[in-house]
């Protein structure tokens, strides 16, 4: 009987290798996002600027 499935069987080692590569890729994406977030959090947000302007105006 011929296997007409579009999926190919792989060994458990190949499966874990693929899983490790995907995990590494996901970790890099998360790290880049975290760096962007941390850089942005150091800068004053629009909310902080408006809040500070309101405090100055109300003083």
N, C-alpha and C. Protein backbone atom coordinates (compact mmCIF):
# COMPACT_ATOMS: atom_id res chain seq x y z
N UNK A 1 0.84 -1.18 0.00
CA UNK A 1 0.00 0.00 0.00
C UNK A 1 0.88 1.24 0.00
N UNK A 2 0.59 2.15 -0.87
CA UNK A 2 1.39 3.36 -1.02
C UNK A 2 0.87 4.45 -0.09
N UNK A 3 1.80 5.17 0.52
CA UNK A 3 1.43 6.25 1.43
C UNK A 3 1.25 7.54 0.63
N UNK A 4 0.03 8.04 0.52
CA UNK A 4 -0.26 9.25 -0.25
C UNK A 4 -0.37 10.48 0.62
N UNK A 5 0.05 10.38 1.85
CA UNK A 5 -0.02 11.51 2.78
C UNK A 5 0.94 12.61 2.34
N UNK A 6 0.53 13.85 2.54
CA UNK A 6 1.42 14.97 2.19
C UNK A 6 2.45 15.22 3.29
N UNK A 7 2.30 14.52 4.42
CA UNK A 7 3.25 14.66 5.51
C UNK A 7 4.30 13.56 5.44
N UNK A 8 5.53 13.93 5.79
CA UNK A 8 6.61 12.96 5.73
C UNK A 8 7.00 12.58 7.15
N UNK A 9 7.18 11.33 7.36
CA UNK A 9 7.61 10.86 8.68
C UNK A 9 9.09 11.21 8.88
N UNK A 10 9.41 11.58 10.10
CA UNK A 10 10.81 11.86 10.40
C UNK A 10 11.17 11.16 11.71
N UNK A 11 12.43 11.06 11.94
CA UNK A 11 12.88 10.39 13.16
C UNK A 11 12.68 11.34 14.34
N UNK A 12 12.72 10.79 15.51
CA UNK A 12 12.55 11.60 16.72
C UNK A 12 13.69 12.61 16.85
N UNK A 13 14.88 12.25 16.40
CA UNK A 13 16.01 13.18 16.45
C UNK A 13 15.77 14.36 15.53
N UNK A 14 15.25 14.08 14.33
CA UNK A 14 14.94 15.17 13.39
C UNK A 14 13.85 16.07 13.96
N UNK A 15 12.88 15.47 14.58
CA UNK A 15 11.79 16.24 15.18
C UNK A 15 12.32 17.20 16.24
N UNK A 16 13.16 16.70 17.15
CA UNK A 16 13.70 17.55 18.20
C UNK A 16 14.67 18.59 17.66
N UNK A 17 15.37 18.28 16.58
CA UNK A 17 16.25 19.24 15.94
C UNK A 17 15.43 20.40 15.38
N UNK A 18 14.33 20.07 14.71
CA UNK A 18 13.44 21.10 14.17
C UNK A 18 12.85 21.93 15.31
N UNK A 19 12.44 21.25 16.37
CA UNK A 19 11.87 21.93 17.53
C UNK A 19 12.89 22.88 18.17
N UNK A 20 14.14 22.44 18.31
CA UNK A 20 15.20 23.28 18.87
C UNK A 20 15.44 24.52 18.01
N UNK A 21 15.46 24.33 16.69
CA UNK A 21 15.68 25.47 15.79
C UNK A 21 14.54 26.47 15.90
N UNK A 22 13.32 25.98 15.98
CA UNK A 22 12.16 26.87 16.09
C UNK A 22 12.17 27.60 17.44
N UNK A 23 12.55 26.90 18.48
CA UNK A 23 12.63 27.52 19.81
C UNK A 23 13.69 28.62 19.83
N UNK A 24 14.83 28.36 19.19
CA UNK A 24 15.89 29.37 19.12
C UNK A 24 15.41 30.60 18.35
N UNK A 25 14.73 30.36 17.25
CA UNK A 25 14.19 31.46 16.44
C UNK A 25 13.19 32.29 17.25
N UNK A 26 12.31 31.60 17.97
CA UNK A 26 11.32 32.30 18.80
C UNK A 26 12.01 33.10 19.91
N UNK A 27 13.05 32.55 20.50
CA UNK A 27 13.78 33.25 21.55
C UNK A 27 14.43 34.52 21.03
N UNK A 28 14.97 34.46 19.83
CA UNK A 28 15.58 35.65 19.23
C UNK A 28 14.54 36.73 18.97
N UNK A 29 13.38 36.34 18.49
CA UNK A 29 12.30 37.29 18.24
C UNK A 29 11.86 37.95 19.55
N UNK A 30 11.70 37.14 20.59
CA UNK A 30 11.29 37.66 21.90
C UNK A 30 12.36 38.61 22.44
N UNK A 31 13.62 38.24 22.31
CA UNK A 31 14.71 39.08 22.81
C UNK A 31 14.73 40.43 22.09
N UNK A 32 14.56 40.42 20.78
CA UNK A 32 14.53 41.67 20.02
C UNK A 32 13.36 42.54 20.46
N UNK A 33 12.22 41.93 20.66
CA UNK A 33 11.04 42.68 21.11
C UNK A 33 11.26 43.26 22.49
N UNK A 34 11.87 42.49 23.37
CA UNK A 34 12.14 42.96 24.72
C UNK A 34 13.11 44.14 24.71
N UNK A 35 14.14 44.06 23.89
CA UNK A 35 15.10 45.16 23.78
C UNK A 35 14.39 46.43 23.30
N UNK A 36 13.54 46.29 22.29
CA UNK A 36 12.79 47.45 21.78
C UNK A 36 11.89 48.02 22.87
N UNK A 37 11.23 47.16 23.62
CA UNK A 37 10.35 47.61 24.70
C UNK A 37 11.13 48.34 25.78
N UNK A 38 12.27 47.78 26.18
CA UNK A 38 13.05 48.40 27.24
C UNK A 38 13.62 49.74 26.80
N UNK A 39 14.05 49.85 25.55
CA UNK A 39 14.54 51.13 25.03
C UNK A 39 13.42 52.15 25.03
N UNK A 40 12.25 51.74 24.60
CA UNK A 40 11.10 52.66 24.54
C UNK A 40 10.64 53.06 25.94
N UNK A 41 10.76 52.17 26.91
CA UNK A 41 10.31 52.48 28.26
C UNK A 41 11.22 53.47 28.96
N UNK A 42 12.45 53.61 28.49
CA UNK A 42 13.37 54.59 29.08
C UNK A 42 13.01 56.00 28.65
N UNK A 43 12.42 56.13 27.46
CA UNK A 43 12.01 57.43 26.95
C UNK A 43 10.67 57.80 27.58
N UNK A 44 10.43 59.10 27.65
CA UNK A 44 9.14 59.54 28.18
C UNK A 44 8.05 59.25 27.16
N UNK A 45 6.97 58.71 27.65
CA UNK A 45 5.84 58.43 26.76
C UNK A 45 5.02 59.71 26.60
N UNK A 46 4.12 59.70 25.63
CA UNK A 46 3.24 60.84 25.42
C UNK A 46 2.42 61.12 26.67
N UNK A 47 2.01 60.06 27.36
CA UNK A 47 1.24 60.21 28.60
C UNK A 47 2.07 60.93 29.66
N UNK A 48 3.33 60.55 29.81
CA UNK A 48 4.20 61.20 30.79
C UNK A 48 4.37 62.69 30.49
N UNK A 49 4.55 63.02 29.22
CA UNK A 49 4.71 64.42 28.81
C UNK A 49 3.45 65.21 29.12
N UNK A 50 2.29 64.64 28.78
CA UNK A 50 1.03 65.33 29.05
C UNK A 50 0.77 65.49 30.54
N UNK A 51 1.09 64.45 31.31
CA UNK A 51 0.90 64.50 32.76
C UNK A 51 1.79 65.57 33.38
N UNK A 52 3.02 65.64 32.91
CA UNK A 52 3.95 66.64 33.42
C UNK A 52 3.49 68.05 33.04
N UNK A 53 3.00 68.23 31.83
CA UNK A 53 2.51 69.52 31.38
C UNK A 53 1.29 69.94 32.20
N UNK A 54 0.43 68.97 32.54
CA UNK A 54 -0.75 69.28 33.36
C UNK A 54 -0.33 69.71 34.76
N UNK A 55 0.66 69.04 35.33
CA UNK A 55 1.13 69.39 36.66
C UNK A 55 1.71 70.80 36.67
N UNK A 56 2.46 71.15 35.64
CA UNK A 56 3.05 72.48 35.53
C UNK A 56 1.94 73.51 35.38
N UNK A 57 0.94 73.19 34.58
CA UNK A 57 -0.16 74.12 34.32
C UNK A 57 -1.00 74.33 35.59
N UNK A 58 -1.19 73.28 36.37
CA UNK A 58 -2.01 73.38 37.60
C UNK A 58 -1.24 73.98 38.77
N UNK A 59 0.05 74.12 38.68
CA UNK A 59 0.86 74.65 39.79
C UNK A 59 0.76 76.14 39.91
